[in-house]
Protein backbone atom coordinates (compact mmCIF):
# COMPACT_ATOMS: atom_id res chain seq x y z
CA UNK A 1 -4.81 21.34 -27.82
CA UNK A 2 -3.38 22.84 -24.58
CA UNK A 3 -4.35 19.87 -22.37
CA UNK A 4 -2.66 17.39 -24.70
CA UNK A 5 0.48 19.52 -24.90
CA UNK A 6 0.64 19.77 -21.10
CA UNK A 7 0.16 15.99 -20.81
CA UNK A 8 2.92 15.22 -23.30
CA UNK A 9 5.48 17.46 -21.58
CA UNK A 10 4.45 17.10 -17.94
CA UNK A 11 6.82 15.49 -15.45
CA UNK A 12 3.68 14.13 -13.73
CA UNK A 13 1.45 13.32 -16.70
CA UNK A 14 -0.51 10.76 -14.67
CA UNK A 15 -1.77 13.66 -12.53
CA UNK A 16 -2.03 16.18 -15.43
CA UNK A 17 -4.19 13.95 -17.62
CA UNK A 18 -6.49 15.92 -19.96
CA UNK A 19 -10.15 15.87 -18.89
CA UNK A 20 -11.92 12.88 -20.45
CA UNK A 21 -14.52 10.21 -19.82
CA UNK A 22 -12.15 7.24 -19.85
CA UNK A 23 -11.71 4.92 -16.89
CA UNK A 24 -8.66 4.85 -14.65
CA UNK A 25 -7.48 1.65 -16.30
CA UNK A 26 -7.87 3.17 -19.76
CA UNK A 27 -5.85 6.17 -18.54
CA UNK A 28 -3.04 3.78 -17.54
CA UNK A 29 -3.15 2.20 -21.02
CA UNK A 30 -2.89 5.63 -22.70
CA UNK A 31 0.10 6.47 -20.51
CA UNK A 32 1.66 3.10 -21.36
CA UNK A 33 1.34 3.88 -25.07
CA UNK A 34 2.32 7.55 -25.02
CA UNK A 35 4.46 8.04 -21.91
CA UNK A 36 5.99 4.68 -20.90
CA UNK A 37 8.48 6.59 -18.73
CA UNK A 38 5.58 7.42 -16.37
CA UNK A 39 3.87 3.99 -16.37
CA UNK A 40 5.09 2.86 -12.94
CA UNK A 41 3.84 6.01 -11.25
CA UNK A 42 0.58 5.91 -13.23
CA UNK A 43 -0.02 2.36 -11.99
CA UNK A 44 0.60 3.45 -8.40
CA UNK A 45 -1.89 6.31 -8.78
CA UNK A 46 -4.43 3.92 -10.34
CA UNK A 47 -3.99 1.34 -7.55
CA UNK A 48 -4.35 3.91 -4.78
CA UNK A 49 -7.50 5.29 -6.45
CA UNK A 50 -8.99 1.80 -6.78
CA UNK A 51 -8.48 0.89 -3.12
CA UNK A 52 -9.29 4.45 -2.02
CA UNK A 53 -6.13 5.21 -0.06
CA UNK A 54 -4.05 8.38 -0.36
CA UNK A 55 -0.80 6.47 -0.82
CA UNK A 56 0.48 2.94 -1.36
CA UNK A 57 3.42 3.83 0.90
CA UNK A 58 1.95 4.89 4.23
CA UNK A 59 4.33 6.13 6.92
CA UNK A 60 5.78 3.46 9.22
CA UNK A 61 3.65 2.66 12.24
CA UNK A 62 4.65 0.86 15.43
CA UNK A 63 2.55 -1.99 16.80
CA UNK A 64 1.44 0.17 19.74
CA UNK A 65 0.40 2.98 17.33
CA UNK A 66 -1.57 0.45 15.29
CA UNK A 67 -3.27 -0.74 18.48
CA UNK A 68 -4.25 2.83 19.33
CA UNK A 69 -5.69 3.38 15.83
CA UNK A 70 -7.68 0.12 15.80
CA UNK A 71 -8.86 0.39 19.39
CA UNK A 72 -9.18 -2.21 22.10
CA UNK A 73 -12.36 -3.77 20.68
CA UNK A 74 -10.89 -4.69 17.28
CA UNK A 75 -11.98 -8.21 16.33
CA UNK A 76 -10.34 -8.55 12.90
CA UNK A 77 -6.95 -10.20 12.42
CA UNK A 78 -4.05 -8.04 11.26
CA UNK A 79 -1.94 -8.95 8.24
CA UNK A 80 1.55 -7.43 8.39
CA UNK A 81 3.22 -7.15 4.99
CA UNK A 82 6.88 -6.22 5.24
CA UNK A 83 9.78 -5.54 2.95
CA UNK A 84 12.75 -7.94 2.71
CA UNK A 85 14.95 -7.63 5.79
CA UNK A 86 12.18 -6.19 7.95
CA UNK A 87 10.94 -8.33 10.83
CA UNK A 88 8.34 -6.88 13.22
CA UNK A 89 7.88 -10.22 15.01
CA UNK A 90 9.94 -9.28 18.08
CA UNK A 91 8.10 -5.96 18.53
CA UNK A 92 4.76 -7.73 18.02
CA UNK A 93 5.61 -10.49 20.49
CA UNK A 94 6.72 -8.04 23.19
CA UNK A 95 3.57 -5.98 22.70
CA UNK A 96 1.27 -9.03 22.72
CA UNK A 97 2.88 -10.57 25.78
CA UNK A 98 2.32 -7.30 27.63
CA UNK A 99 -1.34 -7.11 26.56
CA UNK A 100 -2.63 -10.70 26.53
CA UNK A 101 0.10 -12.92 27.98
CA UNK A 102 2.00 -15.88 26.57
CA UNK A 103 -0.93 -18.34 26.74
CA UNK A 104 -3.12 -16.18 24.44
CA UNK A 105 -0.46 -15.22 21.87
CA UNK A 106 0.26 -17.22 18.71
CA UNK A 107 2.14 -16.25 15.56
CA UNK A 108 2.52 -17.79 12.13
CA UNK A 109 5.29 -16.63 9.79
CA UNK A 110 4.49 -16.97 6.09
CA UNK A 111 7.79 -15.80 4.60
CA UNK A 112 9.93 -17.55 2.01
CA UNK A 113 10.58 -21.22 2.76
CA UNK A 114 7.91 -21.26 5.49
CA UNK A 115 4.82 -22.11 3.46
CA UNK A 116 4.04 -25.23 5.48
CA UNK A 117 2.83 -24.23 8.93
């Protein structure tokens, strides 16, 4: 079958999956069994499909850009998830002090060794 042959030789088999009625999770399991070399990427594709985002690695965004995107009436808290060695706290503090002042700004770091606040 042409679709199966393309899947087995494709460098992006997770995107060239033969048409079928299986779920995204089942597709990941098939790739795990038949193409374990593509499992990591298949899991990324599955995760981005499940949470309905185009990529799990969005481009970097500054705090001021985030503020512009969310708007001035945003009422939800923001959770910043960073990679090891990255620390946006200084940028966030400077931005917040300029917008709301020291008396209305509070931060809580939840990194390693800081579980007790």
